[in-house]
Amino acid sequence: MTLTLPGLSDCGRSLKIKIMDKLEKIIINNRNSFDNLEPNDEHLERLEARLNNFNKNNNYSFAYFLKAASVTILIAISSLFIYNNLKPGNTKTLSNISPEYHDVETYYLAQVNSKIKQINNINFQDNNSQKELLKKEFTGLNSIYINLQKELKTNPNDKRVINAIINNYQMKIDILSNILDFLNTI
């Protein structure tokens, strides 16, 4: 216990020393009274049980942290994989393979887009049924093209995949030309 008064710092120290000296004398004079008392057996058993539980909990917490770390790493790796494979602009096209294929793809895309514009300019007699039929046909061709793009991404130098993409473009152009011819005869 420290008792200090403002302006009396030397007196405060001497008071502290006096109190400590008195306390020390009390402890020395009554040492036998302090030494003969021990805590009861239940107290030691409770202390020992708490220490054992503390050690067990530490093992579980370390195992818990290992599990949490492994789950976190797994989530991070899978997130990176998904981000790299599904981000926009990550599709592989013929243009990514070589400049020659870029020219081929540009030509076929221009042809397909031109045919689609021509079809959109035609007035349909029965708008709903004819337009729905055309959408279904074109959706089927696009789903094939998307699958081919995925295949091209995994096998970028496979000539069979490249030829299949070119054939898909040619098929689109042929189908769109046939649709245009049919619509022009109506």
C-alpha atoms as a PDB file:
ATOM      1  CA  MET A   1       0.000   0.000   0.000  1.00  0.00           C
ATOM      2  CA  THR A   2       1.440   3.308  -1.032  1.00  0.00           C
ATOM      3  CA  LEU A   3       0.469   6.477   0.718  1.00  0.00           C
ATOM      4  CA  THR A   4       1.854   9.652  -0.801  1.00  0.00           C
ATOM      5  CA  LEU A   5       0.877  13.191  -0.147  1.00  0.00           C
ATOM      6  CA  PRO A   6       1.560  15.963  -2.620  1.00  0.00           C
ATOM      7  CA  GLY A   7       4.662  17.895  -1.742  1.00  0.00           C
ATOM      8  CA  LEU A   8       5.773  15.344   0.831  1.00  0.00           C
ATOM      9  CA  SER A   9       7.483  12.758  -1.332  1.00  0.00           C
ATOM     10  CA  ASP A  10      10.272  12.037   1.171  1.00  0.00           C
ATOM     11  CA  CYS A  11       7.773  11.631   3.987  1.00  0.00           C
ATOM     12  CA  GLY A  12       5.712   9.310   1.787  1.00  0.00           C
ATOM     13  CA  ARG A  13       8.676   7.050   1.183  1.00  0.00           C
ATOM     14  CA  SER A  14       9.531   6.874   4.823  1.00  0.00           C
ATOM     15  CA  LEU A  15       5.894   6.076   5.661  1.00  0.00           C
ATOM     16  CA  LYS A  16       5.916   3.295   3.081  1.00  0.00           C
ATOM     17  CA  ILE A  17       9.088   1.855   4.557  1.00  0.00           C
ATOM     18  CA  LYS A  18       7.597   1.928   8.039  1.00  0.00           C
ATOM     19  CA  ILE A  19       4.455   0.119   6.910  1.00  0.00           C
ATOM     20  CA  MET A  20       6.478  -2.525   5.046  1.00  0.00           C
ATOM     21  CA  ASP A  21       8.696  -3.055   8.073  1.00  0.00           C
ATOM     22  CA  LYS A  22       5.655  -3.531  10.321  1.00  0.00           C
ATOM     23  CA  LEU A  23       4.112  -5.991   7.854  1.00  0.00           C
ATOM     24  CA  GLU A  24       7.336  -7.953   7.620  1.00  0.00           C
ATOM     25  CA  LYS A  25       7.562  -8.178  11.431  1.00  0.00           C
ATOM     26  CA  ILE A  26       3.963  -9.460  11.614  1.00  0.00           C
ATOM     27  CA  ILE A  27       4.694 -12.171   9.041  1.00  0.00           C
ATOM     28  CA  ILE A  28       7.933 -13.252  10.752  1.00  0.00           C
ATOM     29  CA  ASN A  29       6.339 -13.350  14.207  1.00  0.00           C
ATOM     30  CA  ASN A  30       3.338 -15.355  12.987  1.00  0.00           C
ATOM     31  CA  ARG A  31       5.085 -17.594  10.470  1.00  0.00           C
ATOM     32  CA  ASN A  32       4.091 -20.782  12.261  1.00  0.00           C
ATOM     33  CA  SER A  33       0.440 -19.782  11.986  1.00  0.00           C
ATOM     34  CA  PHE A  34       0.764 -19.298   8.233  1.00  0.00           C
ATOM     35  CA  ASP A  35       2.742 -22.498   7.601  1.00  0.00           C
ATOM     36  CA  ASN A  36       0.503 -24.950   9.417  1.00  0.00           C
ATOM     37  CA  LEU A  37      -2.587 -24.246   7.295  1.00  0.00           C
ATOM     38  CA  GLU A  38      -2.946 -26.078   3.993  1.00  0.00           C
ATOM     39  CA  PRO A  39      -5.773 -26.064   1.479  1.00  0.00           C
ATOM     40  CA  ASN A  40      -8.227 -28.938   1.789  1.00  0.00           C
ATOM     41  CA  ASP A  41      -8.018 -31.981  -0.537  1.00  0.00           C
ATOM     42  CA  GLU A  42     -11.039 -30.958  -2.601  1.00  0.00           C
ATOM     43  CA  HIS A  43      -9.329 -27.736  -3.566  1.00  0.00           C
ATOM     44  CA  LEU A  44      -6.273 -29.586  -4.922  1.00  0.00           C
ATOM     45  CA  GLU A  45      -8.496 -32.029  -6.830  1.00  0.00           C
ATOM     46  CA  ARG A  46     -10.455 -29.167  -8.422  1.00  0.00           C
ATOM     47  CA  LEU A  47      -7.209 -27.443  -9.386  1.00  0.00           C
ATOM     48  CA  GLU A  48      -5.859 -30.650 -10.913  1.00  0.00           C
ATOM     49  CA  ALA A  49      -9.119 -31.223 -12.858  1.00  0.00           C
ATOM     50  CA  ARG A  50      -9.002 -27.679 -14.242  1.00  0.00           C
ATOM     51  CA  LEU A  51      -5.394 -28.139 -15.332  1.00  0.00           C
ATOM     52  CA  ASN A  52      -6.275 -31.414 -17.084  1.00  0.00           C
ATOM     53  CA  ASN A  53      -9.225 -29.772 -18.856  1.00  0.00           C
ATOM     54  CA  PHE A  54      -7.024 -26.892 -19.886  1.00  0.00           C
ATOM     55  CA  ASN A  55      -4.523 -29.291 -21.492  1.00  0.00           C
ATOM     56  CA  LYS A  56      -7.302 -31.201 -23.272  1.00  0.00           C
ATOM     57  CA  ASN A  57      -8.856 -28.007 -24.580  1.00  0.00           C
ATOM     58  CA  ASN A  58      -5.508 -26.869 -25.943  1.00  0.00           C
ATOM     59  CA  ASN A  59      -5.159 -30.083 -27.967  1.00  0.00           C
ATOM     60  CA  TYR A  60      -8.641 -29.671 -29.386  1.00  0.00           C
ATOM     61  CA  SER A  61      -8.076 -26.040 -30.179  1.00  0.00           C
ATOM     62  CA  PHE A  62      -4.898 -26.892 -32.079  1.00  0.00           C
ATOM     63  CA  ALA A  63      -6.766 -29.583 -34.039  1.00  0.00           C
ATOM     64  CA  TYR A  64      -9.552 -27.101 -34.614  1.00  0.00           C
ATOM     65  CA  PHE A  65      -7.110 -24.539 -35.994  1.00  0.00           C
ATOM     66  CA  LEU A  66      -5.588 -27.166 -38.290  1.00  0.00           C
ATOM     67  CA  LYS A  67      -9.023 -28.039 -39.636  1.00  0.00           C
ATOM     68  CA  ALA A  68      -9.944 -24.384 -40.063  1.00  0.00           C
ATOM     69  CA  ALA A  69      -6.662 -23.683 -41.862  1.00  0.00           C
ATOM     70  CA  SER A  70      -7.142 -26.610 -44.234  1.00  0.00           C
ATOM     71  CA  VAL A  71     -10.707 -25.526 -45.038  1.00  0.00           C
ATOM     72  CA  THR A  72      -9.507 -21.964 -45.629  1.00  0.00           C
ATOM     73  CA  ILE A  73      -6.767 -23.159 -47.972  1.00  0.00           C
ATOM     74  CA  LEU A  74      -9.232 -25.392 -49.819  1.00  0.00           C
ATOM     75  CA  ILE A  75     -11.654 -22.502 -50.273  1.00  0.00           C
ATOM     76  CA  ALA A  76      -8.874 -20.192 -51.477  1.00  0.00           C
ATOM     77  CA  ILE A  77      -7.586 -22.702 -54.028  1.00  0.00           C
ATOM     78  CA  SER A  78     -11.059 -23.501 -55.347  1.00  0.00           C
ATOM     79  CA  SER A  79     -11.886 -19.780 -55.560  1.00  0.00           C
ATOM     80  CA  LEU A  80      -8.752 -19.133 -57.604  1.00  0.00           C
ATOM     81  CA  PHE A  81      -9.583 -22.062 -59.890  1.00  0.00           C
ATOM     82  CA  ILE A  82     -13.143 -20.834 -60.418  1.00  0.00           C
ATOM     83  CA  TYR A  83     -11.988 -17.262 -60.977  1.00  0.00           C
ATOM     84  CA  ASN A  84      -9.391 -18.313 -63.552  1.00  0.00           C
ATOM     85  CA  ASN A  85     -11.769 -20.575 -65.449  1.00  0.00           C
ATOM     86  CA  LEU A  86     -14.975 -18.557 -65.345  1.00  0.00           C
ATOM     87  CA  LYS A  87     -13.862 -14.949 -65.592  1.00  0.00           C
ATOM     88  CA  PRO A  88     -15.121 -13.028 -68.628  1.00  0.00           C
ATOM     89  CA  GLY A  89     -12.758 -12.937 -71.570  1.00  0.00           C
ATOM     90  CA  ASN A  90     -11.240 -16.249 -70.599  1.00  0.00           C
ATOM     91  CA  THR A  91     -12.766 -18.100 -73.538  1.00  0.00           C
ATOM     92  CA  LYS A  92     -10.470 -19.485 -76.161  1.00  0.00           C
ATOM     93  CA  THR A  93     -11.321 -18.643 -79.762  1.00  0.00           C
ATOM     94  CA  LEU A  94      -9.609 -19.265 -83.048  1.00  0.00           C
ATOM     95  CA  SER A  95      -8.266 -15.715 -82.913  1.00  0.00           C
ATOM     96  CA  ASN A  96      -6.196 -16.678 -79.879  1.00  0.00           C
ATOM     97  CA  ILE A  97      -4.507 -19.554 -81.735  1.00  0.00           C
ATOM     98  CA  SER A  98      -2.873 -17.765 -84.670  1.00  0.00           C
ATOM     99  CA  PRO A  99      -3.293 -14.756 -86.985  1.00  0.00           C
ATOM    100  CA  GLU A 100      -4.435 -17.028 -89.835  1.00  0.00           C
ATOM    101  CA  TYR A 101      -7.262 -18.403 -87.732  1.00  0.00           C
ATOM    102  CA  HIS A 102      -8.099 -14.856 -86.674  1.00  0.00           C
ATOM    103  CA  ASP A 103      -8.774 -13.976 -90.313  1.00  0.00           C
ATOM    104  CA  VAL A 104     -10.865 -17.119 -90.790  1.00  0.00           C
ATOM    105  CA  GLU A 105     -12.913 -16.438 -87.664  1.00  0.00           C
ATOM    106  CA  THR A 106     -13.417 -12.784 -88.591  1.00  0.00           C
ATOM    107  CA  TYR A 107     -14.694 -13.794 -92.043  1.00  0.00           C
ATOM    108  CA  TYR A 108     -17.146 -16.377 -90.708  1.00  0.00           C
ATOM    109  CA  LEU A 109     -18.414 -14.100 -87.933  1.00  0.00           C
ATOM    110  CA  ALA A 110     -19.033 -11.339 -90.474  1.00  0.00           C
ATOM    111  CA  GLN A 111     -20.966 -13.791 -92.660  1.00  0.00           C
ATOM    112  CA  VAL A 112     -23.064 -15.079 -89.750  1.00  0.00           C
ATOM    113  CA  ASN A 113     -23.837 -11.572 -88.501  1.00  0.00           C
ATOM    114  CA  SER A 114     -24.778 -10.457 -92.012  1.00  0.00           C
ATOM    115  CA  LYS A 115     -27.203 -13.373 -92.426  1.00  0.00           C
ATOM    116  CA  ILE A 116     -28.752 -12.691 -89.005  1.00  0.00           C
ATOM    117  CA  LYS A 117     -29.299  -9.020 -89.930  1.00  0.00           C
ATOM    118  CA  GLN A 118     -30.950 -10.060 -93.189  1.00  0.00           C
ATOM    119  CA  ILE A 119     -33.265 -12.437 -91.344  1.00  0.00           C
ATOM    120  CA  ASN A 120     -34.154  -9.774 -88.766  1.00  0.00           C
ATOM    121  CA  ASN A 121     -35.092  -7.374 -91.595  1.00  0.00           C
ATOM    122  CA  ILE A 122     -37.654  -9.804 -93.014  1.00  0.00           C
ATOM    123  CA  ASN A 123     -41.239  -9.437 -91.817  1.00  0.00           C
ATOM    124  CA  PHE A 124     -42.694 -12.707 -90.625  1.00  0.00           C
ATOM    125  CA  GLN A 125     -46.294 -13.648 -91.368  1.00  0.00           C
ATOM    126  CA  ASP A 126     -46.681 -15.613 -88.143  1.00  0.00           C
ATOM    127  CA  ASN A 127     -44.160 -13.765 -85.955  1.00  0.00           C
ATOM    128  CA  ASN A 128     -44.183 -15.919 -82.846  1.00  0.00           C
ATOM    129  CA  SER A 129     -43.940 -19.468 -84.178  1.00  0.00           C
ATOM    130  CA  GLN A 130     -41.423 -18.759 -86.944  1.00  0.00           C
ATOM    131  CA  LYS A 131     -39.189 -16.631 -84.749  1.00  0.00           C
ATOM    132  CA  GLU A 132     -39.252 -19.212 -81.938  1.00  0.00           C
ATOM    133  CA  LEU A 133     -38.310 -21.971 -84.376  1.00  0.00           C
ATOM    134  CA  LEU A 134     -35.366 -19.926 -85.653  1.00  0.00           C
ATOM    135  CA  LYS A 135     -34.218 -19.118 -82.107  1.00  0.00           C
ATOM    136  CA  LYS A 136     -34.252 -22.800 -81.122  1.00  0.00           C
ATOM    137  CA  GLU A 137     -32.231 -23.789 -84.173  1.00  0.00           C
ATOM    138  CA  PHE A 138     -29.684 -21.072 -83.627  1.00  0.00           C
ATOM    139  CA  THR A 139     -29.451 -21.791 -79.881  1.00  0.00           C
ATOM    140  CA  GLY A 140     -28.572 -25.401 -80.675  1.00  0.00           C
ATOM    141  CA  LEU A 141     -25.747 -24.275 -82.954  1.00  0.00           C
ATOM    142  CA  ASN A 142     -24.476 -21.836 -80.326  1.00  0.00           C
ATOM    143  CA  SER A 143     -24.438 -24.514 -77.609  1.00  0.00           C
ATOM    144  CA  ILE A 144     -22.308 -26.699 -79.890  1.00  0.00           C
ATOM    145  CA  TYR A 145     -20.004 -23.736 -80.468  1.00  0.00           C
ATOM    146  CA  ILE A 146     -19.679 -23.085 -76.703  1.00  0.00           C
ATOM    147  CA  ASN A 147     -18.734 -26.726 -76.124  1.00  0.00           C
ATOM    148  CA  LEU A 148     -16.161 -26.480 -78.903  1.00  0.00           C
ATOM    149  CA  GLN A 149     -14.689 -23.357 -77.290  1.00  0.00           C
ATOM    150  CA  LYS A 150     -14.296 -25.256 -74.016  1.00  0.00           C
ATOM    151  CA  GLU A 151     -12.613 -28.085 -75.883  1.00  0.00           C
ATOM    152  CA  LEU A 152     -10.344 -25.598 -77.667  1.00  0.00           C
ATOM    153  CA  LYS A 153      -9.338 -24.150 -74.311  1.00  0.00           C
ATOM    154  CA  THR A 154      -8.193 -27.563 -73.046  1.00  0.00           C
ATOM    155  CA  ASN A 155      -6.636 -28.616 -76.392  1.00  0.00           C
ATOM    156  CA  PRO A 156      -5.578 -25.424 -78.195  1.00  0.00           C
ATOM    157  CA  ASN A 157      -3.416 -27.143 -80.813  1.00  0.00           C
ATOM    158  CA  ASP A 158      -5.799 -29.970 -81.691  1.00  0.00           C
ATOM    159  CA  LYS A 159      -6.594 -29.663 -85.416  1.00  0.00           C
ATOM    160  CA  ARG A 160      -9.792 -31.696 -84.982  1.00  0.00           C
ATOM    161  CA  VAL A 161     -11.221 -29.105 -82.595  1.00  0.00           C
ATOM    162  CA  ILE A 162     -10.149 -26.234 -84.857  1.00  0.00           C
ATOM    163  CA  ASN A 163     -11.745 -27.924 -87.872  1.00  0.00           C
ATOM    164  CA  ALA A 164     -14.906 -28.620 -85.863  1.00  0.00           C
ATOM    165  CA  ILE A 165     -15.191 -24.912 -85.010  1.00  0.00           C
ATOM    166  CA  ILE A 166     -14.718 -23.945 -88.658  1.00  0.00           C
ATOM    167  CA  ASN A 167     -17.322 -26.556 -89.673  1.00  0.00           C
ATOM    168  CA  ASN A 168     -19.696 -25.111 -87.072  1.00  0.00           C
ATOM    169  CA  TYR A 169     -19.314 -21.657 -88.615  1.00  0.00           C
ATOM    170  CA  GLN A 170     -19.936 -23.118 -92.083  1.00  0.00           C
ATOM    171  CA  MET A 171     -23.000 -24.958 -90.801  1.00  0.00           C
ATOM    172  CA  LYS A 172     -24.353 -21.774 -89.260  1.00  0.00           C
ATOM    173  CA  ILE A 173     -23.886 -19.935 -92.538  1.00  0.00           C
ATOM    174  CA  ASP A 174     -25.538 -22.760 -94.535  1.00  0.00           C
ATOM    175  CA  ILE A 175     -28.503 -22.977 -92.173  1.00  0.00           C
ATOM    176  CA  LEU A 176     -28.939 -19.219 -92.114  1.00  0.00           C
ATOM    177  CA  SER A 177     -28.707 -19.131 -95.950  1.00  0.00           C
ATOM    178  CA  ASN A 178     -31.355 -21.846 -96.220  1.00  0.00           C
ATOM    179  CA  ILE A 179     -33.607 -19.954 -93.832  1.00  0.00           C
ATOM    180  CA  LEU A 180     -33.121 -16.758 -95.841  1.00  0.00           C
ATOM    181  CA  ASP A 181     -33.929 -18.563 -99.108  1.00  0.00           C
ATOM    182  CA  PHE A 182     -37.036 -20.084 -97.554  1.00  0.00           C
ATOM    183  CA  LEU A 183     -38.204 -16.775 -96.129  1.00  0.00           C
ATOM    184  CA  ASN A 184     -37.610 -14.984 -99.425  1.00  0.00           C
ATOM    185  CA  THR A 185     -39.748 -17.511-101.315  1.00  0.00           C
ATOM    186  CA  ILE A 186     -42.703 -16.986 -98.944  1.00  0.00           C
END
